[in-house]
Amino acid sequence: MPTVSPTLLPILMLFASNIFMTFAWYGHLKFKESPLPMVVLASWGIAFVEYWLAVPANRWGSAVYSAAQLKTMQEVITLVVFACFSVLYLKEPLGWNHALGFLLIAAGAFLIFHKW
């Protein structure tokens, strides 16, 4: 039975957790007529699933990555997931300024992961 590499597993789990979290935080924007208390409860339920992915991803990932690397990974994954979500779900375009901002964040991630 194949297993997922310890370096890849946290990344995959962080991607999955970020998909849930993005829907928890921003999915309701398409349903602005829904009562806010209902939206908060639904978002909380979605976020509960996200925690079941993010917490183990960080726990297991800490065997391979430093805390700074895990946090940096999570932020880069968040931006990738959010960019796709914004375009595909919210139908909001991304511009050159978004691309430049993401590039600067990628440069920061390089600095965190590079061995000096």
PDB file of N, CA and C in Angstrom:
ATOM      1  N   MET A   1       0.849  -1.175   0.000  1.00  0.00           N
ATOM      2  CA  MET A   1       0.000   0.000   0.000  1.00  0.00           C
ATOM      3  C   MET A   1       0.898   1.244   0.000  1.00  0.00           C
ATOM      4  N   PRO A   2       0.752   2.104  -1.006  1.00  0.00           N
ATOM      5  CA  PRO A   2       1.609   3.301  -1.057  1.00  0.00           C
ATOM      6  C   PRO A   2       1.221   4.315   0.007  1.00  0.00           C
ATOM      7  N   THR A   3       2.222   4.967   0.541  1.00  0.00           N
ATOM      8  CA  THR A   3       1.983   6.028   1.516  1.00  0.00           C
ATOM      9  C   THR A   3       2.474   7.342   0.925  1.00  0.00           C
ATOM     10  N   VAL A   4       1.963   8.429   1.461  1.00  0.00           N
ATOM     11  CA  VAL A   4       2.353   9.752   0.994  1.00  0.00           C
ATOM     12  C   VAL A   4       3.624  10.168   1.730  1.00  0.00           C
ATOM     13  N   SER A   5       4.543  10.735   1.002  1.00  0.00           N
ATOM     14  CA  SER A   5       5.807  11.203   1.561  1.00  0.00           C
ATOM     15  C   SER A   5       5.571  12.190   2.702  1.00  0.00           C
ATOM     16  N   PRO A   6       6.382  12.120   3.773  1.00  0.00           N
ATOM     17  CA  PRO A   6       6.221  13.061   4.891  1.00  0.00           C
ATOM     18  C   PRO A   6       6.470  14.513   4.491  1.00  0.00           C
ATOM     19  N   THR A   7       7.180  14.742   3.397  1.00  0.00           N
ATOM     20  CA  THR A   7       7.367  16.122   2.939  1.00  0.00           C
ATOM     21  C   THR A   7       6.164  16.603   2.132  1.00  0.00           C
ATOM     22  N   LEU A   8       5.455  15.683   1.484  1.00  0.00           N
ATOM     23  CA  LEU A   8       4.317  16.054   0.642  1.00  0.00           C
ATOM     24  C   LEU A   8       2.993  16.077   1.415  1.00  0.00           C
ATOM     25  N   LEU A   9       2.830  15.178   2.386  1.00  0.00           N
ATOM     26  CA  LEU A   9       1.565  15.073   3.117  1.00  0.00           C
ATOM     27  C   LEU A   9       1.107  16.392   3.747  1.00  0.00           C
ATOM     28  N   PRO A  10       1.979  17.119   4.459  1.00  0.00           N
ATOM     29  CA  PRO A  10       1.506  18.387   5.044  1.00  0.00           C
ATOM     30  C   PRO A  10       1.074  19.398   3.983  1.00  0.00           C
ATOM     31  N   ILE A  11       1.752  19.403   2.855  1.00  0.00           N
ATOM     32  CA  ILE A  11       1.402  20.334   1.777  1.00  0.00           C
ATOM     33  C   ILE A  11       0.011  20.009   1.240  1.00  0.00           C
ATOM     34  N   LEU A  12      -0.239  18.736   0.982  1.00  0.00           N
ATOM     35  CA  LEU A  12      -1.562  18.334   0.484  1.00  0.00           C
ATOM     36  C   LEU A  12      -2.660  18.644   1.497  1.00  0.00           C
ATOM     37  N   MET A  13      -2.369  18.375   2.765  1.00  0.00           N
ATOM     38  CA  MET A  13      -3.363  18.647   3.805  1.00  0.00           C
ATOM     39  C   MET A  13      -3.600  20.149   3.971  1.00  0.00           C
ATOM     40  N   LEU A  14      -2.549  20.950   3.842  1.00  0.00           N
ATOM     41  CA  LEU A  14      -2.724  22.404   3.938  1.00  0.00           C
ATOM     42  C   LEU A  14      -3.521  22.936   2.753  1.00  0.00           C
ATOM     43  N   PHE A  15      -3.317  22.361   1.571  1.00  0.00           N
ATOM     44  CA  PHE A  15      -4.148  22.753   0.422  1.00  0.00           C
ATOM     45  C   PHE A  15      -5.610  22.445   0.714  1.00  0.00           C
ATOM     46  N   ALA A  16      -5.883  21.236   1.181  1.00  0.00           N
ATOM     47  CA  ALA A  16      -7.275  20.855   1.472  1.00  0.00           C
ATOM     48  C   ALA A  16      -7.871  21.748   2.563  1.00  0.00           C
ATOM     49  N   SER A  17      -7.097  21.996   3.613  1.00  0.00           N
ATOM     50  CA  SER A  17      -7.618  22.829   4.703  1.00  0.00           C
ATOM     51  C   SER A  17      -7.905  24.246   4.219  1.00  0.00           C
ATOM     52  N   ASN A  18      -7.058  24.757   3.335  1.00  0.00           N
ATOM     53  CA  ASN A  18      -7.274  26.115   2.832  1.00  0.00           C
ATOM     54  C   ASN A  18      -8.482  26.213   1.921  1.00  0.00           C
ATOM     55  N   ILE A  19      -8.791  25.153   1.218  1.00  0.00           N
ATOM     56  CA  ILE A  19     -10.015  25.163   0.404  1.00  0.00           C
ATOM     57  C   ILE A  19     -11.221  25.305   1.332  1.00  0.00           C
ATOM     58  N   PHE A  20     -11.252  24.505   2.400  1.00  0.00           N
ATOM     59  CA  PHE A  20     -12.364  24.612   3.362  1.00  0.00           C
ATOM     60  C   PHE A  20     -12.397  25.993   4.007  1.00  0.00           C
ATOM     61  N   MET A  21     -11.249  26.498   4.413  1.00  0.00           N
ATOM     62  CA  MET A  21     -11.228  27.784   5.115  1.00  0.00           C
ATOM     63  C   MET A  21     -11.644  28.926   4.194  1.00  0.00           C
ATOM     64  N   THR A  22     -11.231  28.872   2.945  1.00  0.00           N
ATOM     65  CA  THR A  22     -11.622  29.925   2.004  1.00  0.00           C
ATOM     66  C   THR A  22     -13.133  29.933   1.821  1.00  0.00           C
ATOM     67  N   PHE A  23     -13.736  28.751   1.722  1.00  0.00           N
ATOM     68  CA  PHE A  23     -15.199  28.709   1.633  1.00  0.00           C
ATOM     69  C   PHE A  23     -15.843  29.178   2.936  1.00  0.00           C
ATOM     70  N   ALA A  24     -15.241  28.853   4.076  1.00  0.00           N
ATOM     71  CA  ALA A  24     -15.796  29.298   5.356  1.00  0.00           C
ATOM     72  C   ALA A  24     -15.765  30.820   5.461  1.00  0.00           C
ATOM     73  N   TRP A  25     -14.679  31.432   5.036  1.00  0.00           N
ATOM     74  CA  TRP A  25     -14.532  32.881   5.190  1.00  0.00           C
ATOM     75  C   TRP A  25     -15.194  33.684   4.083  1.00  0.00           C
ATOM     76  N   TYR A  26     -15.183  33.171   2.855  1.00  0.00           N
ATOM     77  CA  TYR A  26     -15.626  33.987   1.717  1.00  0.00           C
ATOM     78  C   TYR A  26     -16.769  33.397   0.904  1.00  0.00           C
ATOM     79  N   GLY A  27     -17.093  32.126   1.094  1.00  0.00           N
ATOM     80  CA  GLY A  27     -18.150  31.499   0.308  1.00  0.00           C
ATOM     81  C   GLY A  27     -19.497  32.164   0.472  1.00  0.00           C
ATOM     82  N   HIS A  28     -19.754  32.697   1.648  1.00  0.00           N
ATOM     83  CA  HIS A  28     -21.046  33.333   1.935  1.00  0.00           C
ATOM     84  C   HIS A  28     -21.239  34.649   1.183  1.00  0.00           C
ATOM     85  N   LEU A  29     -20.197  35.181   0.573  1.00  0.00           N
ATOM     86  CA  LEU A  29     -20.336  36.456  -0.138  1.00  0.00           C
ATOM     87  C   LEU A  29     -21.283  36.356  -1.327  1.00  0.00           C
ATOM     88  N   LYS A  30     -21.542  35.148  -1.795  1.00  0.00           N
ATOM     89  CA  LYS A  30     -22.526  34.958  -2.860  1.00  0.00           C
ATOM     90  C   LYS A  30     -23.948  34.879  -2.299  1.00  0.00           C
ATOM     91  N   PHE A  31     -24.072  34.869  -0.989  1.00  0.00           N
ATOM     92  CA  PHE A  31     -25.387  34.725  -0.339  1.00  0.00           C
ATOM     93  C   PHE A  31     -25.604  35.842   0.669  1.00  0.00           C
ATOM     94  N   LYS A  32     -25.487  37.062   0.201  1.00  0.00           N
ATOM     95  CA  LYS A  32     -25.571  38.217   1.100  1.00  0.00           C
ATOM     96  C   LYS A  32     -26.967  38.413   1.693  1.00  0.00           C
ATOM     97  N   GLU A  33     -27.963  37.758   1.108  1.00  0.00           N
ATOM     98  CA  GLU A  33     -29.321  37.878   1.644  1.00  0.00           C
ATOM     99  C   GLU A  33     -29.552  36.937   2.830  1.00  0.00           C
ATOM    100  N   SER A  34     -28.648  36.004   3.039  1.00  0.00           N
ATOM    101  CA  SER A  34     -28.780  35.068   4.166  1.00  0.00           C
ATOM    102  C   SER A  34     -28.516  35.787   5.483  1.00  0.00           C
ATOM    103  N   PRO A  35     -29.251  35.430   6.523  1.00  0.00           N
ATOM    104  CA  PRO A  35     -29.044  36.073   7.829  1.00  0.00           C
ATOM    105  C   PRO A  35     -27.625  35.807   8.354  1.00  0.00           C
ATOM    106  N   LEU A  36     -27.027  36.827   8.909  1.00  0.00           N
ATOM    107  CA  LEU A  36     -25.651  36.729   9.384  1.00  0.00           C
ATOM    108  C   LEU A  36     -25.443  35.615  10.418  1.00  0.00           C
ATOM    109  N   PRO A  37     -26.322  35.434  11.403  1.00  0.00           N
ATOM    110  CA  PRO A  37     -26.095  34.341  12.358  1.00  0.00           C
ATOM    111  C   PRO A  37     -26.034  32.965  11.676  1.00  0.00           C
ATOM    112  N   MET A  38     -26.870  32.764  10.653  1.00  0.00           N
ATOM    113  CA  MET A  38     -26.847  31.495   9.921  1.00  0.00           C
ATOM    114  C   MET A  38     -25.530  31.331   9.164  1.00  0.00           C
ATOM    115  N   VAL A  39     -25.059  32.416   8.572  1.00  0.00           N
ATOM    116  CA  VAL A  39     -23.799  32.392   7.833  1.00  0.00           C
ATOM    117  C   VAL A  39     -22.634  32.086   8.773  1.00  0.00           C
ATOM    118  N   VAL A  40     -22.636  32.703   9.949  1.00  0.00           N
ATOM    119  CA  VAL A  40     -21.563  32.464  10.921  1.00  0.00           C
ATOM    120  C   VAL A  40     -21.556  31.001  11.348  1.00  0.00           C
ATOM    121  N   LEU A  41     -22.715  30.438  11.634  1.00  0.00           N
ATOM    122  CA  LEU A  41     -22.788  29.034  12.047  1.00  0.00           C
ATOM    123  C   LEU A  41     -22.342  28.093  10.921  1.00  0.00           C
ATOM    124  N   ALA A  42     -22.779  28.368   9.706  1.00  0.00           N
ATOM    125  CA  ALA A  42     -22.360  27.539   8.570  1.00  0.00           C
ATOM    126  C   ALA A  42     -20.849  27.646   8.368  1.00  0.00           C
ATOM    127  N   SER A  43     -20.319  28.853   8.453  1.00  0.00           N
ATOM    128  CA  SER A  43     -18.874  29.055   8.294  1.00  0.00           C
ATOM    129  C   SER A  43     -18.102  28.343   9.402  1.00  0.00           C
ATOM    130  N   TRP A  44     -18.633  28.377  10.599  1.00  0.00           N
ATOM    131  CA  TRP A  44     -17.985  27.702  11.721  1.00  0.00           C
ATOM    132  C   TRP A  44     -17.936  26.194  11.489  1.00  0.00           C
ATOM    133  N   GLY A  45     -19.013  25.645  10.951  1.00  0.00           N
ATOM    134  CA  GLY A  45     -19.058  24.219  10.643  1.00  0.00           C
ATOM    135  C   GLY A  45     -18.035  23.834   9.581  1.00  0.00           C
ATOM    136  N   ILE A  46     -17.895  24.668   8.564  1.00  0.00           N
ATOM    137  CA  ILE A  46     -16.896  24.417   7.516  1.00  0.00           C
ATOM    138  C   ILE A  46     -15.495  24.538   8.098  1.00  0.00           C
ATOM    139  N   ALA A  47     -15.285  25.533   8.941  1.00  0.00           N
ATOM    140  CA  ALA A  47     -13.964  25.744   9.548  1.00  0.00           C
ATOM    141  C   ALA A  47     -13.583  24.588  10.464  1.00  0.00           C
ATOM    142  N   PHE A  48     -14.570  23.923  11.059  1.00  0.00           N
ATOM    143  CA  PHE A  48     -14.286  22.767  11.912  1.00  0.00           C
ATOM    144  C   PHE A  48     -13.562  21.686  11.116  1.00  0.00           C
ATOM    145  N   VAL A  49     -14.024  21.445   9.895  1.00  0.00           N
ATOM    146  CA  VAL A  49     -13.362  20.473   9.020  1.00  0.00           C
ATOM    147  C   VAL A  49     -11.956  20.957   8.693  1.00  0.00           C
ATOM    148  N   GLU A  50     -11.802  22.249   8.449  1.00  0.00           N
ATOM    149  CA  GLU A  50     -10.496  22.827   8.137  1.00  0.00           C
ATOM    150  C   GLU A  50      -9.498  22.563   9.262  1.00  0.00           C
ATOM    151  N   TYR A  51      -9.929  22.707  10.494  1.00  0.00           N
ATOM    152  CA  TYR A  51      -9.042  22.472  11.634  1.00  0.00           C
ATOM    153  C   TYR A  51      -8.580  21.025  11.706  1.00  0.00           C
ATOM    154  N   TRP A  52      -9.467  20.095  11.334  1.00  0.00           N
ATOM    155  CA  TRP A  52      -9.097  18.682  11.345  1.00  0.00           C
ATOM    156  C   TRP A  52      -8.057  18.366  10.280  1.00  0.00           C
ATOM    157  N   LEU A  53      -7.858  19.244   9.334  1.00  0.00           N
ATOM    158  CA  LEU A  53      -6.799  19.077   8.327  1.00  0.00           C
ATOM    159  C   LEU A  53      -5.557  19.891   8.681  1.00  0.00           C
ATOM    160  N   ALA A  54      -5.751  21.128   9.111  1.00  0.00           N
ATOM    161  CA  ALA A  54      -4.612  22.026   9.355  1.00  0.00           C
ATOM    162  C   ALA A  54      -3.783  21.619  10.572  1.00  0.00           C
ATOM    163  N   VAL A  55      -4.445  21.259  11.648  1.00  0.00           N
ATOM    164  CA  VAL A  55      -3.706  20.931  12.875  1.00  0.00           C
ATOM    165  C   VAL A  55      -2.821  19.690  12.671  1.00  0.00           C
ATOM    166  N   PRO A  56      -3.351  18.583  12.133  1.00  0.00           N
ATOM    167  CA  PRO A  56      -2.464  17.451  11.871  1.00  0.00           C
ATOM    168  C   PRO A  56      -1.391  17.761  10.828  1.00  0.00           C
ATOM    169  N   ALA A  57      -1.731  18.569   9.831  1.00  0.00           N
ATOM    170  CA  ALA A  57      -0.738  18.933   8.814  1.00  0.00           C
ATOM    171  C   ALA A  57       0.452  19.630   9.463  1.00  0.00           C
ATOM    172  N   ASN A  58       0.170  20.529  10.379  1.00  0.00           N
ATOM    173  CA  ASN A  58       1.258  21.231  11.068  1.00  0.00           C
ATOM    174  C   ASN A  58       1.984  20.330  12.060  1.00  0.00           C
ATOM    175  N   ARG A  59       1.261  19.481  12.740  1.00  0.00           N
ATOM    176  CA  ARG A  59       1.884  18.562  13.703  1.00  0.00           C
ATOM    177  C   ARG A  59       2.835  17.619  12.968  1.00  0.00           C
ATOM    178  N   TRP A  60       2.326  16.968  11.904  1.00  0.00           N
ATOM    179  CA  TRP A  60       3.156  16.014  11.164  1.00  0.00           C
ATOM    180  C   TRP A  60       4.225  16.735  10.354  1.00  0.00           C
ATOM    181  N   GLY A  61       3.864  17.899   9.831  1.00  0.00           N
ATOM    182  CA  GLY A  61       4.821  18.669   9.046  1.00  0.00           C
ATOM    183  C   GLY A  61       5.993  19.169   9.854  1.00  0.00           C
ATOM    184  N   SER A  62       5.807  19.331  11.170  1.00  0.00           N
ATOM    185  CA  SER A  62       6.891  19.831  12.016  1.00  0.00           C
ATOM    186  C   SER A  62       8.035  18.831  12.136  1.00  0.00           C
ATOM    187  N   ALA A  63       7.799  17.595  11.729  1.00  0.00           N
ATOM    188  CA  ALA A  63       8.873  16.598  11.712  1.00  0.00           C
ATOM    189  C   ALA A  63       9.824  16.840  10.540  1.00  0.00           C
ATOM    190  N   VAL A  64       9.357  17.579   9.550  1.00  0.00           N
ATOM    191  CA  VAL A  64      10.140  17.805   8.328  1.00  0.00           C
ATOM    192  C   VAL A  64      10.492  19.277   8.140  1.00  0.00           C
ATOM    193  N   TYR A  65       9.578  20.163   8.532  1.00  0.00           N
ATOM    194  CA  TYR A  65       9.729  21.595   8.294  1.00  0.00           C
ATOM    195  C   TYR A  65       9.789  22.352   9.619  1.00  0.00           C
ATOM    196  N   SER A  66      10.412  23.526   9.589  1.00  0.00           N
ATOM    197  CA  SER A  66      10.390  24.396  10.765  1.00  0.00           C
ATOM    198  C   SER A  66       9.018  25.079  10.842  1.00  0.00           C
ATOM    199  N   ALA A  67       8.720  25.667  11.988  1.00  0.00           N
ATOM    200  CA  ALA A  67       7.451  26.382  12.144  1.00  0.00           C
ATOM    201  C   ALA A  67       7.358  27.544  11.151  1.00  0.00           C
ATOM    202  N   ALA A  68       8.465  28.240  10.933  1.00  0.00           N
ATOM    203  CA  ALA A  68       8.463  29.351   9.962  1.00  0.00           C
ATOM    204  C   ALA A  68       8.198  28.845   8.553  1.00  0.00           C
ATOM    205  N   GLN A  69       8.756  27.700   8.212  1.00  0.00           N
ATOM    206  CA  GLN A  69       8.511  27.138   6.882  1.00  0.00           C
ATOM    207  C   GLN A  69       7.062  26.701   6.735  1.00  0.00           C
ATOM    208  N   LEU A  70       6.504  26.076   7.768  1.00  0.00           N
ATOM    209  CA  LEU A  70       5.097  25.670   7.715  1.00  0.00           C
ATOM    210  C   LEU A  70       4.174  26.876   7.555  1.00  0.00           C
ATOM    211  N   LYS A  71       4.443  27.933   8.309  1.00  0.00           N
ATOM    212  CA  LYS A  71       3.598  29.132   8.218  1.00  0.00           C
ATOM    213  C   LYS A  71       3.723  29.780   6.849  1.00  0.00           C
ATOM    214  N   THR A  72       4.936  29.839   6.327  1.00  0.00           N
ATOM    215  CA  THR A  72       5.151  30.418   4.999  1.00  0.00           C
ATOM    216  C   THR A  72       4.423  29.593   3.940  1.00  0.00           C
ATOM    217  N   MET A  73       4.542  28.281   4.043  1.00  0.00           N
ATOM    218  CA  MET A  73       3.845  27.394   3.120  1.00  0.00           C
ATOM    219  C   MET A  73       2.344  27.643   3.162  1.00  0.00           C
ATOM    220  N   GLN A  74       1.836  27.744   4.385  1.00  0.00           N
ATOM    221  CA  GLN A  74       0.399  27.953   4.553  1.00  0.00           C
ATOM    222  C   GLN A  74      -0.050  29.260   3.909  1.00  0.00           C
ATOM    223  N   GLU A  75       0.734  30.312   4.047  1.00  0.00           N
ATOM    224  CA  GLU A  75       0.354  31.607   3.468  1.00  0.00           C
ATOM    225  C   GLU A  75       0.397  31.574   1.943  1.00  0.00           C
ATOM    226  N   VAL A  76       1.415  30.936   1.385  1.00  0.00           N
ATOM    227  CA  VAL A  76       1.506  30.832  -0.078  1.00  0.00           C
ATOM    228  C   VAL A  76       0.348  29.982  -0.605  1.00  0.00           C
ATOM    229  N   ILE A  77       0.060  28.873   0.067  1.00  0.00           N
ATOM    230  CA  ILE A  77      -1.063  28.021  -0.341  1.00  0.00           C
ATOM    231  C   ILE A  77      -2.369  28.801  -0.236  1.00  0.00           C
ATOM    232  N   THR A  78      -2.529  29.579   0.823  1.00  0.00           N
ATOM    233  CA  THR A  78      -3.736  30.397   0.989  1.00  0.00           C
ATOM    234  C   THR A  78      -3.933  31.329  -0.195  1.00  0.00           C
ATOM    235  N   LEU A  79      -2.857  31.973  -0.626  1.00  0.00           N
ATOM    236  CA  LEU A  79      -2.972  32.898  -1.763  1.00  0.00           C
ATOM    237  C   LEU A  79      -3.306  32.177  -3.063  1.00  0.00           C
ATOM    238  N   VAL A  80      -2.714  31.022  -3.273  1.00  0.00           N
ATOM    239  CA  VAL A  80      -3.011  30.246  -4.485  1.00  0.00           C
ATOM    240  C   VAL A  80      -4.474  29.816  -4.482  1.00  0.00           C
ATOM    241  N   VAL A  81      -4.924  29.270  -3.349  1.00  0.00           N
ATOM    242  CA  VAL A  81      -6.314  28.824  -3.245  1.00  0.00           C
ATOM    243  C   VAL A  81      -7.254  30.014  -3.388  1.00  0.00           C
ATOM    244  N   PHE A  82      -6.937  31.123  -2.721  1.00  0.00           N
ATOM    245  CA  PHE A  82      -7.822  32.278  -2.794  1.00  0.00           C
ATOM    246  C   PHE A  82      -7.869  32.867  -4.203  1.00  0.00           C
ATOM    247  N   ALA A  83      -6.739  32.905  -4.898  1.00  0.00           N
ATOM    248  CA  ALA A  83      -6.726  33.429  -6.264  1.00  0.00           C
ATOM    249  C   ALA A  83      -7.650  32.598  -7.153  1.00  0.00           C
ATOM    250  N   CYS A  84      -7.562  31.285  -7.052  1.00  0.00           N
ATOM    251  CA  CYS A  84      -8.448  30.418  -7.839  1.00  0.00           C
ATOM    252  C   CYS A  84      -9.905  30.614  -7.432  1.00  0.00           C
ATOM    253  N   PHE A  85     -10.162  30.674  -6.136  1.00  0.00           N
ATOM    254  CA  PHE A  85     -11.511  30.870  -5.608  1.00  0.00           C
ATOM    255  C   PHE A  85     -12.096  32.194  -6.091  1.00  0.00           C
ATOM    256  N   SER A  86     -11.295  33.231  -6.033  1.00  0.00           N
ATOM    257  CA  SER A  86     -11.750  34.565  -6.429  1.00  0.00           C
ATOM    258  C   SER A  86     -12.175  34.590  -7.895  1.00  0.00           C
ATOM    259  N   VAL A  87     -11.377  33.980  -8.738  1.00  0.00           N
ATOM    260  CA  VAL A  87     -11.669  33.987 -10.174  1.00  0.00           C
ATOM    261  C   VAL A  87     -12.802  33.021 -10.510  1.00  0.00           C
ATOM    262  N   LEU A  88     -12.728  31.786  -9.988  1.00  0.00           N
ATOM    263  CA  LEU A  88     -13.680  30.751 -10.389  1.00  0.00           C
ATOM    264  C   LEU A  88     -15.022  30.833  -9.666  1.00  0.00           C
ATOM    265  N   TYR A  89     -15.019  31.157  -8.383  1.00  0.00           N
ATOM    266  CA  TYR A  89     -16.256  31.149  -7.606  1.00  0.00           C
ATOM    267  C   TYR A  89     -16.889  32.537  -7.503  1.00  0.00           C
ATOM    268  N   LEU A  90     -16.079  33.522  -7.146  1.00  0.00           N
ATOM    269  CA  LEU A  90     -16.618  34.872  -6.988  1.00  0.00           C
ATOM    270  C   LEU A  90     -16.669  35.647  -8.297  1.00  0.00           C
ATOM    271  N   LYS A  91     -16.000  35.124  -9.323  1.00  0.00           N
ATOM    272  CA  LYS A  91     -15.954  35.768 -10.649  1.00  0.00           C
ATOM    273  C   LYS A  91     -15.333  37.160 -10.577  1.00  0.00           C
ATOM    274  N   GLU A  92     -14.339  37.312  -9.696  1.00  0.00           N
ATOM    275  CA  GLU A  92     -13.610  38.574  -9.580  1.00  0.00           C
ATOM    276  C   GLU A  92     -12.253  38.412 -10.246  1.00  0.00           C
ATOM    277  N   PRO A  93     -11.936  39.283 -11.187  1.00  0.00           N
ATOM    278  CA  PRO A  93     -10.662  39.130 -11.908  1.00  0.00           C
ATOM    279  C   PRO A  93      -9.466  39.523 -11.046  1.00  0.00           C
ATOM    280  N   LEU A  94      -8.326  38.947 -11.383  1.00  0.00           N
ATOM    281  CA  LEU A  94      -7.069  39.334 -10.753  1.00  0.00           C
ATOM    282  C   LEU A  94      -6.285  40.163 -11.763  1.00  0.00           C
ATOM    283  N   GLY A  95      -5.630  41.193 -11.281  1.00  0.00           N
ATOM    284  CA  GLY A  95      -4.887  42.093 -12.163  1.00  0.00           C
ATOM    285  C   GLY A  95      -3.387  41.956 -11.990  1.00  0.00           C
ATOM    286  N   TRP A  96      -2.674  42.797 -12.691  1.00  0.00           N
ATOM    287  CA  TRP A  96      -1.205  42.774 -12.636  1.00  0.00           C
ATOM    288  C   TRP A  96      -0.703  43.069 -11.229  1.00  0.00           C
ATOM    289  N   ASN A  97      -1.431  43.935 -10.502  1.00  0.00           N
ATOM    290  CA  ASN A  97      -1.012  44.266  -9.144  1.00  0.00           C
ATOM    291  C   ASN A  97      -1.102  43.060  -8.212  1.00  0.00           C
ATOM    292  N   HIS A  98      -2.093  42.209  -8.437  1.00  0.00           N
ATOM    293  CA  HIS A  98      -2.192  40.981  -7.651  1.00  0.00           C
ATOM    294  C   HIS A  98      -1.012  40.068  -7.969  1.00  0.00           C
ATOM    295  N   ALA A  99      -0.722  39.925  -9.248  1.00  0.00           N
ATOM    296  CA  ALA A  99       0.404  39.079  -9.666  1.00  0.00           C
ATOM    297  C   ALA A  99       1.713  39.588  -9.068  1.00  0.00           C
ATOM    298  N   LEU A 100       1.910  40.892  -9.074  1.00  0.00           N
ATOM    299  CA  LEU A 100       3.135  41.463  -8.509  1.00  0.00           C
ATOM    300  C   LEU A 100       3.193  41.234  -6.995  1.00  0.00           C
ATOM    301  N   GLY A 101       2.088  41.420  -6.326  1.00  0.00           N
ATOM    302  CA  GLY A 101       2.039  41.170  -4.885  1.00  0.00           C
ATOM    303  C   GLY A 101       2.338  39.716  -4.561  1.00  0.00           C
ATOM    304  N   PHE A 102       1.771  38.794  -5.338  1.00  0.00           N
ATOM    305  CA  PHE A 102       2.035  37.370  -5.130  1.00  0.00           C
ATOM    306  C   PHE A 102       3.503  37.055  -5.398  1.00  0.00           C
ATOM    307  N   LEU A 103       4.083  37.711  -6.399  1.00  0.00           N
ATOM    308  CA  LEU A 103       5.500  37.503  -6.703  1.00  0.00           C
ATOM    309  C   LEU A 103       6.382  37.943  -5.537  1.00  0.00           C
ATOM    310  N   LEU A 104       6.034  39.059  -4.913  1.00  0.00           N
ATOM    311  CA  LEU A 104       6.799  39.521  -3.753  1.00  0.00           C
ATOM    312  C   LEU A 104       6.672  38.550  -2.578  1.00  0.00           C
ATOM    313  N   ILE A 105       5.490  37.987  -2.404  1.00  0.00           N
ATOM    314  CA  ILE A 105       5.308  37.000  -1.343  1.00  0.00           C
ATOM    315  C   ILE A 105       6.109  35.735  -1.661  1.00  0.00           C
ATOM    316  N   ALA A 106       6.134  35.341  -2.930  1.00  0.00           N
ATOM    317  CA  ALA A 106       6.946  34.189  -3.333  1.00  0.00           C
ATOM    318  C   ALA A 106       8.427  34.459  -3.067  1.00  0.00           C
ATOM    319  N   ALA A 107       8.873  35.689  -3.273  1.00  0.00           N
ATOM    320  CA  ALA A 107      10.263  36.037  -2.969  1.00  0.00           C
ATOM    321  C   ALA A 107      10.519  35.890  -1.470  1.00  0.00           C
ATOM    322  N   GLY A 108       9.568  36.293  -0.657  1.00  0.00           N
ATOM    323  CA  GLY A 108       9.692  36.113   0.788  1.00  0.00           C
ATOM    324  C   GLY A 108       9.754  34.639   1.164  1.00  0.00           C
ATOM    325  N   ALA A 109       8.940  33.821   0.498  1.00  0.00           N
ATOM    326  CA  ALA A 109       8.970  32.377   0.759  1.00  0.00           C
ATOM    327  C   ALA A 109      10.329  31.797   0.385  1.00  0.00           C
ATOM    328  N   PHE A 110      10.895  32.271  -0.713  1.00  0.00           N
ATOM    329  CA  PHE A 110      12.242  31.821  -1.104  1.00  0.00           C
ATOM    330  C   PHE A 110      13.241  32.111   0.007  1.00  0.00           C
ATOM    331  N   LEU A 111      13.150  33.290   0.580  1.00  0.00           N
ATOM    332  CA  LEU A 111      14.091  33.661   1.640  1.00  0.00           C
ATOM    333  C   LEU A 111      13.935  32.766   2.875  1.00  0.00           C
ATOM    334  N   ILE A 112      12.691  32.385   3.179  1.00  0.00           N
ATOM    335  CA  ILE A 112      12.447  31.531   4.342  1.00  0.00           C
ATOM    336  C   ILE A 112      13.004  30.121   4.109  1.00  0.00           C
ATOM    337  N   PHE A 113      12.848  29.597   2.900  1.00  0.00           N
ATOM    338  CA  PHE A 113      13.243  28.210   2.614  1.00  0.00           C
ATOM    339  C   PHE A 113      14.695  28.061   2.191  1.00  0.00           C
ATOM    340  N   HIS A 114      15.315  29.139   1.754  1.00  0.00           N
ATOM    341  CA  HIS A 114      16.711  29.057   1.287  1.00  0.00           C
ATOM    342  C   HIS A 114      17.648  28.860   2.469  1.00  0.00           C
ATOM    343  N   LYS A 115      18.571  27.937   2.299  1.00  0.00           N
ATOM    344  CA  LYS A 115      19.575  27.688   3.342  1.00  0.00           C
ATOM    345  C   LYS A 115      20.730  28.660   3.131  1.00  0.00           C
ATOM    346  N   TRP A 116      20.976  29.541   4.070  1.00  0.00           N
ATOM    347  CA  TRP A 116      22.023  30.557   3.924  1.00  0.00           C
ATOM    348  C   TRP A 116      23.297  30.102   4.565  1.00  0.00           C
TER     349      TRP A 116
END
